[in-house]
Amino acid sequence: MTYPRSHLIDPDGGYYHINSRCVRRAFLCGDDELTNRNFDHRRAWIEKRIISLSEIFAIDVLGYAIMTACAEYPWLLSH
């Protein structure tokens, strides 16, 4: 069941752990053994994007991990 964001996010701020996953054998970064393609060039793009979006939306990124099939980043929502 889905919930509106107003029920998930505290308007006074808080700590949140975000996880984005790739599906259907899609690779975010690293080597794809099936196609012999390397997607490591995406790591720098994702890092720059996380930093630029955190500045736009007033979010303090506490850390991040960019793995082959997902990206995880805990952040602090400031009000």
PDB file of N, CA and C in Angstrom:
ATOM      1  N   MET A   1       0.839  -1.177   0.000  1.00  0.00           N
ATOM      2  CA  MET A   1       0.000   0.000   0.000  1.00  0.00           C
ATOM      3  C   MET A   1       0.884   1.240   0.000  1.00  0.00           C
ATOM      4  N   THR A   2       0.523   2.218  -0.767  1.00  0.00           N
ATOM      5  CA  THR A   2       1.300   3.447  -0.832  1.00  0.00           C
ATOM      6  C   THR A   2       0.774   4.461   0.179  1.00  0.00           C
ATOM      7  N   TYR A   3       1.658   5.352   0.584  1.00  0.00           N
ATOM      8  CA  TYR A   3       1.322   6.411   1.535  1.00  0.00           C
ATOM      9  C   TYR A   3       1.718   7.755   0.940  1.00  0.00           C
ATOM     10  N   PRO A   4       0.968   8.801   1.195  1.00  0.00           N
ATOM     11  CA  PRO A   4       1.375  10.123   0.731  1.00  0.00           C
ATOM     12  C   PRO A   4       2.657  10.570   1.454  1.00  0.00           C
ATOM     13  N   ARG A   5       3.464  11.347   0.775  1.00  0.00           N
ATOM     14  CA  ARG A   5       4.723  11.817   1.362  1.00  0.00           C
ATOM     15  C   ARG A   5       4.497  12.594   2.655  1.00  0.00           C
ATOM     16  N   SER A   6       3.361  13.250   2.749  1.00  0.00           N
ATOM     17  CA  SER A   6       3.078  14.008   3.969  1.00  0.00           C
ATOM     18  C   SER A   6       2.992  13.100   5.194  1.00  0.00           C
ATOM     19  N   HIS A   7       2.740  11.823   4.996  1.00  0.00           N
ATOM     20  CA  HIS A   7       2.696  10.876   6.110  1.00  0.00           C
ATOM     21  C   HIS A   7       4.045  10.200   6.341  1.00  0.00           C
ATOM     22  N   LEU A   8       4.959  10.312   5.379  1.00  0.00           N
ATOM     23  CA  LEU A   8       6.257   9.644   5.478  1.00  0.00           C
ATOM     24  C   LEU A   8       7.378  10.570   5.937  1.00  0.00           C
ATOM     25  N   ILE A   9       7.306  11.829   5.571  1.00  0.00           N
ATOM     26  CA  ILE A   9       8.374  12.791   5.834  1.00  0.00           C
ATOM     27  C   ILE A   9       7.926  13.755   6.924  1.00  0.00           C
ATOM     28  N   ASP A  10       8.741  13.892   7.952  1.00  0.00           N
ATOM     29  CA  ASP A  10       8.451  14.821   9.038  1.00  0.00           C
ATOM     30  C   ASP A  10       8.791  16.239   8.571  1.00  0.00           C
ATOM     31  N   PRO A  11       7.858  17.174   8.572  1.00  0.00           N
ATOM     32  CA  PRO A  11       8.143  18.532   8.107  1.00  0.00           C
ATOM     33  C   PRO A  11       9.165  19.264   8.965  1.00  0.00           C
ATOM     34  N   ASP A  12       9.412  18.799  10.184  1.00  0.00           N
ATOM     35  CA  ASP A  12      10.412  19.426  11.050  1.00  0.00           C
ATOM     36  C   ASP A  12      11.816  18.917  10.779  1.00  0.00           C
ATOM     37  N   GLY A  13      11.977  17.993   9.852  1.00  0.00           N
ATOM     38  CA  GLY A  13      13.294  17.450   9.524  1.00  0.00           C
ATOM     39  C   GLY A  13      13.484  16.079  10.145  1.00  0.00           C
ATOM     40  N   GLY A  14      14.576  15.441   9.783  1.00  0.00           N
ATOM     41  CA  GLY A  14      14.874  14.119  10.321  1.00  0.00           C
ATOM     42  C   GLY A  14      15.903  13.398   9.471  1.00  0.00           C
ATOM     43  N   TYR A  15      16.270  12.198   9.908  1.00  0.00           N
ATOM     44  CA  TYR A  15      17.242  11.376   9.199  1.00  0.00           C
ATOM     45  C   TYR A  15      16.508  10.329   8.370  1.00  0.00           C
ATOM     46  N   TYR A  16      16.925  10.158   7.121  1.00  0.00           N
ATOM     47  CA  TYR A  16      16.290   9.204   6.229  1.00  0.00           C
ATOM     48  C   TYR A  16      17.351   8.413   5.471  1.00  0.00           C
ATOM     49  N   HIS A  17      17.055   7.156   5.193  1.00  0.00           N
ATOM     50  CA  HIS A  17      17.950   6.285   4.434  1.00  0.00           C
ATOM     51  C   HIS A  17      17.274   5.982   3.101  1.00  0.00           C
ATOM     52  N   ILE A  18      17.911   6.383   2.008  1.00  0.00           N
ATOM     53  CA  ILE A  18      17.331   6.255   0.674  1.00  0.00           C
ATOM     54  C   ILE A  18      18.073   5.158  -0.076  1.00  0.00           C
ATOM     55  N   ASN A  19      17.327   4.351  -0.823  1.00  0.00           N
ATOM     56  CA  ASN A  19      17.909   3.262  -1.593  1.00  0.00           C
ATOM     57  C   ASN A  19      17.267   3.254  -2.967  1.00  0.00           C
ATOM     58  N   SER A  20      18.076   3.291  -4.018  1.00  0.00           N
ATOM     59  CA  SER A  20      17.593   3.200  -5.392  1.00  0.00           C
ATOM     60  C   SER A  20      18.187   1.942  -6.012  1.00  0.00           C
ATOM     61  N   ARG A  21      17.343   1.099  -6.579  1.00  0.00           N
ATOM     62  CA  ARG A  21      17.794  -0.169  -7.146  1.00  0.00           C
ATOM     63  C   ARG A  21      17.532  -0.242  -8.638  1.00  0.00           C
ATOM     64  N   CYS A  22      18.402  -0.970  -9.337  1.00  0.00           N
ATOM     65  CA  CYS A  22      18.202  -1.288 -10.744  1.00  0.00           C
ATOM     66  C   CYS A  22      17.558  -2.667 -10.830  1.00  0.00           C
ATOM     67  N   VAL A  23      16.740  -2.887 -11.820  1.00  0.00           N
ATOM     68  CA  VAL A  23      16.068  -4.171 -11.980  1.00  0.00           C
ATOM     69  C   VAL A  23      16.285  -4.715 -13.388  1.00  0.00           C
ATOM     70  N   ARG A  24      15.861  -5.952 -13.604  1.00  0.00           N
ATOM     71  CA  ARG A  24      15.934  -6.619 -14.913  1.00  0.00           C
ATOM     72  C   ARG A  24      17.349  -6.709 -15.438  1.00  0.00           C
ATOM     73  N   ARG A  25      18.272  -7.158 -14.612  1.00  0.00           N
ATOM     74  CA  ARG A  25      19.677  -7.337 -14.974  1.00  0.00           C
ATOM     75  C   ARG A  25      20.345  -6.050 -15.451  1.00  0.00           C
ATOM     76  N   ALA A  26      19.823  -4.920 -15.057  1.00  0.00           N
ATOM     77  CA  ALA A  26      20.441  -3.654 -15.421  1.00  0.00           C
ATOM     78  C   ALA A  26      21.579  -3.366 -14.438  1.00  0.00           C
ATOM     79  N   PHE A  27      22.671  -2.854 -14.934  1.00  0.00           N
ATOM     80  CA  PHE A  27      23.817  -2.535 -14.103  1.00  0.00           C
ATOM     81  C   PHE A  27      23.942  -1.029 -13.950  1.00  0.00           C
ATOM     82  N   LEU A  28      24.078  -0.598 -12.719  1.00  0.00           N
ATOM     83  CA  LEU A  28      24.299   0.812 -12.437  1.00  0.00           C
ATOM     84  C   LEU A  28      25.776   1.141 -12.647  1.00  0.00           C
ATOM     85  N   CYS A  29      26.646   0.320 -12.084  1.00  0.00           N
ATOM     86  CA  CYS A  29      28.100   0.477 -12.201  1.00  0.00           C
ATOM     87  C   CYS A  29      28.737  -0.910 -12.240  1.00  0.00           C
ATOM     88  N   GLY A  30      29.998  -0.945 -12.635  1.00  0.00           N
ATOM     89  CA  GLY A  30      30.724  -2.209 -12.621  1.00  0.00           C
ATOM     90  C   GLY A  30      30.668  -2.935 -13.956  1.00  0.00           C
ATOM     91  N   ASP A  31      31.123  -4.182 -13.942  1.00  0.00           N
ATOM     92  CA  ASP A  31      31.207  -5.002 -15.147  1.00  0.00           C
ATOM     93  C   ASP A  31      29.973  -5.867 -15.308  1.00  0.00           C
ATOM     94  N   ASP A  32      29.404  -5.839 -16.494  1.00  0.00           N
ATOM     95  CA  ASP A  32      28.309  -6.732 -16.844  1.00  0.00           C
ATOM     96  C   ASP A  32      28.930  -7.917 -17.577  1.00  0.00           C
ATOM     97  N   GLU A  33      28.934  -9.066 -16.935  1.00  0.00           N
ATOM     98  CA  GLU A  33      29.588 -10.242 -17.513  1.00  0.00           C
ATOM     99  C   GLU A  33      28.845 -10.772 -18.733  1.00  0.00           C
ATOM    100  N   LEU A  34      27.559 -10.524 -18.839  1.00  0.00           N
ATOM    101  CA  LEU A  34      26.779 -11.015 -19.970  1.00  0.00           C
ATOM    102  C   LEU A  34      27.116 -10.259 -21.251  1.00  0.00           C
ATOM    103  N   THR A  35      27.239  -8.944 -21.167  1.00  0.00           N
ATOM    104  CA  THR A  35      27.505  -8.126 -22.356  1.00  0.00           C
ATOM    105  C   THR A  35      28.959  -7.675 -22.449  1.00  0.00           C
ATOM    106  N   ASN A  36      29.755  -7.963 -21.431  1.00  0.00           N
ATOM    107  CA  ASN A  36      31.162  -7.528 -21.372  1.00  0.00           C
ATOM    108  C   ASN A  36      31.297  -6.011 -21.465  1.00  0.00           C
ATOM    109  N   ARG A  37      30.336  -5.299 -20.912  1.00  0.00           N
ATOM    110  CA  ARG A  37      30.399  -3.844 -20.871  1.00  0.00           C
ATOM    111  C   ARG A  37      30.724  -3.398 -19.453  1.00  0.00           C
ATOM    112  N   ASN A  38      31.413  -2.263 -19.352  1.00  0.00           N
ATOM    113  CA  ASN A  38      31.777  -1.697 -18.063  1.00  0.00           C
ATOM    114  C   ASN A  38      31.034  -0.380 -17.889  1.00  0.00           C
ATOM    115  N   PHE A  39      30.410  -0.219 -16.719  1.00  0.00           N
ATOM    116  CA  PHE A  39      29.607   0.971 -16.453  1.00  0.00           C
ATOM    117  C   PHE A  39      30.188   1.814 -15.320  1.00  0.00           C
ATOM    118  N   ASP A  40      31.471   1.699 -15.047  1.00  0.00           N
ATOM    119  CA  ASP A  40      32.084   2.461 -13.957  1.00  0.00           C
ATOM    120  C   ASP A  40      32.078   3.968 -14.199  1.00  0.00           C
ATOM    121  N   HIS A  41      31.935   4.389 -15.454  1.00  0.00           N
ATOM    122  CA  HIS A  41      31.915   5.829 -15.741  1.00  0.00           C
ATOM    123  C   HIS A  41      30.719   6.521 -15.085  1.00  0.00           C
ATOM    124  N   ARG A  42      29.710   5.765 -14.691  1.00  0.00           N
ATOM    125  CA  ARG A  42      28.522   6.353 -14.080  1.00  0.00           C
ATOM    126  C   ARG A  42      28.750   6.776 -12.631  1.00  0.00           C
ATOM    127  N   ARG A  43      29.743   6.227 -11.963  1.00  0.00           N
ATOM    128  CA  ARG A  43      29.974   6.560 -10.551  1.00  0.00           C
ATOM    129  C   ARG A  43      30.207   8.059 -10.348  1.00  0.00           C
ATOM    130  N   ALA A  44      31.058   8.649 -11.166  1.00  0.00           N
ATOM    131  CA  ALA A  44      31.344  10.082 -11.028  1.00  0.00           C
ATOM    132  C   ALA A  44      30.099  10.912 -11.333  1.00  0.00           C
ATOM    133  N   TRP A  45      29.312  10.505 -12.335  1.00  0.00           N
ATOM    134  CA  TRP A  45      28.092  11.225 -12.671  1.00  0.00           C
ATOM    135  C   TRP A  45      27.102  11.180 -11.515  1.00  0.00           C
ATOM    136  N   ILE A  46      26.939  10.003 -10.908  1.00  0.00           N
ATOM    137  CA  ILE A  46      25.990   9.854  -9.800  1.00  0.00           C
ATOM    138  C   ILE A  46      26.446  10.686  -8.600  1.00  0.00           C
ATOM    139  N   GLU A  47      27.749  10.674  -8.319  1.00  0.00           N
ATOM    140  CA  GLU A  47      28.271  11.468  -7.195  1.00  0.00           C
ATOM    141  C   GLU A  47      28.001  12.954  -7.408  1.00  0.00           C
ATOM    142  N   LYS A  48      28.277  13.464  -8.608  1.00  0.00           N
ATOM    143  CA  LYS A  48      28.026  14.876  -8.894  1.00  0.00           C
ATOM    144  C   LYS A  48      26.542  15.206  -8.793  1.00  0.00           C
ATOM    145  N   ARG A  49      25.708  14.275  -9.238  1.00  0.00           N
ATOM    146  CA  ARG A  49      24.264  14.510  -9.200  1.00  0.00           C
ATOM    147  C   ARG A  49      23.735  14.553  -7.767  1.00  0.00           C
ATOM    148  N   ILE A  50      24.207  13.654  -6.916  1.00  0.00           N
ATOM    149  CA  ILE A  50      23.803  13.643  -5.510  1.00  0.00           C
ATOM    150  C   ILE A  50      24.182  14.959  -4.846  1.00  0.00           C
ATOM    151  N   ILE A  51      25.392  15.429  -5.111  1.00  0.00           N
ATOM    152  CA  ILE A  51      25.860  16.678  -4.505  1.00  0.00           C
ATOM    153  C   ILE A  51      25.049  17.871  -5.007  1.00  0.00           C
ATOM    154  N   SER A  52      24.803  17.942  -6.313  1.00  0.00           N
ATOM    155  CA  SER A  52      24.054  19.089  -6.844  1.00  0.00           C
ATOM    156  C   SER A  52      22.600  19.086  -6.360  1.00  0.00           C
ATOM    157  N   LEU A  53      21.973  17.926  -6.293  1.00  0.00           N
ATOM    158  CA  LEU A  53      20.592  17.873  -5.817  1.00  0.00           C
ATOM    159  C   LEU A  53      20.489  18.189  -4.324  1.00  0.00           C
ATOM    160  N   SER A  54      21.506  17.798  -3.551  1.00  0.00           N
ATOM    161  CA  SER A  54      21.468  18.108  -2.121  1.00  0.00           C
ATOM    162  C   SER A  54      21.546  19.615  -1.888  1.00  0.00           C
ATOM    163  N   GLU A  55      22.277  20.324  -2.727  1.00  0.00           N
ATOM    164  CA  GLU A  55      22.355  21.779  -2.605  1.00  0.00           C
ATOM    165  C   GLU A  55      21.038  22.439  -3.000  1.00  0.00           C
ATOM    166  N   ILE A  56      20.393  21.925  -4.020  1.00  0.00           N
ATOM    167  CA  ILE A  56      19.131  22.508  -4.495  1.00  0.00           C
ATOM    168  C   ILE A  56      18.006  22.308  -3.487  1.00  0.00           C
ATOM    169  N   PHE A  57      17.936  21.103  -2.896  1.00  0.00           N
ATOM    170  CA  PHE A  57      16.811  20.760  -2.042  1.00  0.00           C
ATOM    171  C   PHE A  57      17.106  20.872  -0.544  1.00  0.00           C
ATOM    172  N   ALA A  58      18.196  21.516  -0.152  1.00  0.00           N
ATOM    173  CA  ALA A  58      18.557  21.732   1.252  1.00  0.00           C
ATOM    174  C   ALA A  58      18.609  20.423   2.029  1.00  0.00           C
ATOM    175  N   ILE A  59      19.342  19.454   1.472  1.00  0.00           N
ATOM    176  CA  ILE A  59      19.507  18.143   2.100  1.00  0.00           C
ATOM    177  C   ILE A  59      20.984  17.959   2.423  1.00  0.00           C
ATOM    178  N   ASP A  60      21.283  17.521   3.633  1.00  0.00           N
ATOM    179  CA  ASP A  60      22.647  17.199   4.011  1.00  0.00           C
ATOM    180  C   ASP A  60      22.870  15.712   3.776  1.00  0.00           C
ATOM    181  N   VAL A  61      23.706  15.373   2.798  1.00  0.00           N
ATOM    182  CA  VAL A  61      24.016  13.971   2.521  1.00  0.00           C
ATOM    183  C   VAL A  61      25.070  13.533   3.529  1.00  0.00           C
ATOM    184  N   LEU A  62      24.754  12.523   4.316  1.00  0.00           N
ATOM    185  CA  LEU A  62      25.662  12.058   5.363  1.00  0.00           C
ATOM    186  C   LEU A  62      26.668  11.041   4.843  1.00  0.00           C
ATOM    187  N   GLY A  63      26.408  10.458   3.700  1.00  0.00           N
ATOM    188  CA  GLY A  63      27.293   9.478   3.087  1.00  0.00           C
ATOM    189  C   GLY A  63      26.557   8.802   1.955  1.00  0.00           C
ATOM    190  N   TYR A  64      27.271   8.051   1.140  1.00  0.00           N
ATOM    191  CA  TYR A  64      26.614   7.328   0.065  1.00  0.00           C
ATOM    192  C   TYR A  64      27.471   6.144  -0.356  1.00  0.00           C
ATOM    193  N   ALA A  65      26.823   5.156  -0.943  1.00  0.00           N
ATOM    194  CA  ALA A  65      27.494   3.985  -1.490  1.00  0.00           C
ATOM    195  C   ALA A  65      26.878   3.708  -2.852  1.00  0.00           C
ATOM    196  N   ILE A  66      27.711   3.692  -3.879  1.00  0.00           N
ATOM    197  CA  ILE A  66      27.240   3.418  -5.230  1.00  0.00           C
ATOM    198  C   ILE A  66      27.754   2.036  -5.609  1.00  0.00           C
ATOM    199  N   MET A  67      26.842   1.079  -5.710  1.00  0.00           N
ATOM    200  CA  MET A  67      27.205  -0.311  -5.982  1.00  0.00           C
ATOM    201  C   MET A  67      26.742  -0.717  -7.374  1.00  0.00           C
ATOM    202  N   THR A  68      26.986  -1.958  -7.759  1.00  0.00           N
ATOM    203  CA  THR A  68      26.680  -2.373  -9.123  1.00  0.00           C
ATOM    204  C   THR A  68      25.200  -2.307  -9.451  1.00  0.00           C
ATOM    205  N   ALA A  69      24.326  -2.615  -8.515  1.00  0.00           N
ATOM    206  CA  ALA A  69      22.903  -2.661  -8.821  1.00  0.00           C
ATOM    207  C   ALA A  69      22.076  -1.685  -7.994  1.00  0.00           C
ATOM    208  N   CYS A  70      22.690  -0.907  -7.117  1.00  0.00           N
ATOM    209  CA  CYS A  70      21.897   0.037  -6.324  1.00  0.00           C
ATOM    210  C   CYS A  70      22.781   1.167  -5.804  1.00  0.00           C
ATOM    211  N   ALA A  71      22.120   2.209  -5.359  1.00  0.00           N
ATOM    212  CA  ALA A  71      22.807   3.330  -4.714  1.00  0.00           C
ATOM    213  C   ALA A  71      22.079   3.608  -3.412  1.00  0.00           C
ATOM    214  N   GLU A  72      22.824   3.771  -2.337  1.00  0.00           N
ATOM    215  CA  GLU A  72      22.242   4.058  -1.030  1.00  0.00           C
ATOM    216  C   GLU A  72      22.880   5.306  -0.462  1.00  0.00           C
ATOM    217  N   TYR A  73      22.051   6.147   0.158  1.00  0.00           N
ATOM    218  CA  TYR A  73      22.569   7.360   0.760  1.00  0.00           C
ATOM    219  C   TYR A  73      21.675   7.817   1.904  1.00  0.00           C
ATOM    220  N   PRO A  74      22.238   7.827   3.114  1.00  0.00           N
ATOM    221  CA  PRO A  74      21.494   8.421   4.240  1.00  0.00           C
ATOM    222  C   PRO A  74      21.614   9.937   4.164  1.00  0.00           C
ATOM    223  N   TRP A  75      20.523  10.634   4.474  1.00  0.00           N
ATOM    224  CA  TRP A  75      20.579  12.091   4.450  1.00  0.00           C
ATOM    225  C   TRP A  75      19.739  12.687   5.547  1.00  0.00           C
ATOM    226  N   LEU A  76      20.062  13.925   5.832  1.00  0.00           N
ATOM    227  CA  LEU A  76      19.378  14.692   6.881  1.00  0.00           C
ATOM    228  C   LEU A  76      18.544  15.773   6.196  1.00  0.00           C
ATOM    229  N   LEU A  77      17.259  15.740   6.454  1.00  0.00           N
ATOM    230  CA  LEU A  77      16.368  16.754   5.907  1.00  0.00           C
ATOM    231  C   LEU A  77      16.325  17.934   6.863  1.00  0.00           C
ATOM    232  N   SER A  78      16.803  19.072   6.403  1.00  0.00           N
ATOM    233  CA  SER A  78      16.802  20.291   7.217  1.00  0.00           C
ATOM    234  C   SER A  78      15.534  21.078   6.913  1.00  0.00           C
ATOM    235  N   HIS A  79      15.056  21.772   7.901  1.00  0.00           N
ATOM    236  CA  HIS A  79      13.868  22.605   7.656  1.00  0.00           C
ATOM    237  C   HIS A  79      14.234  24.067   7.658  1.00  0.00           C
TER     238      HIS A  79
END
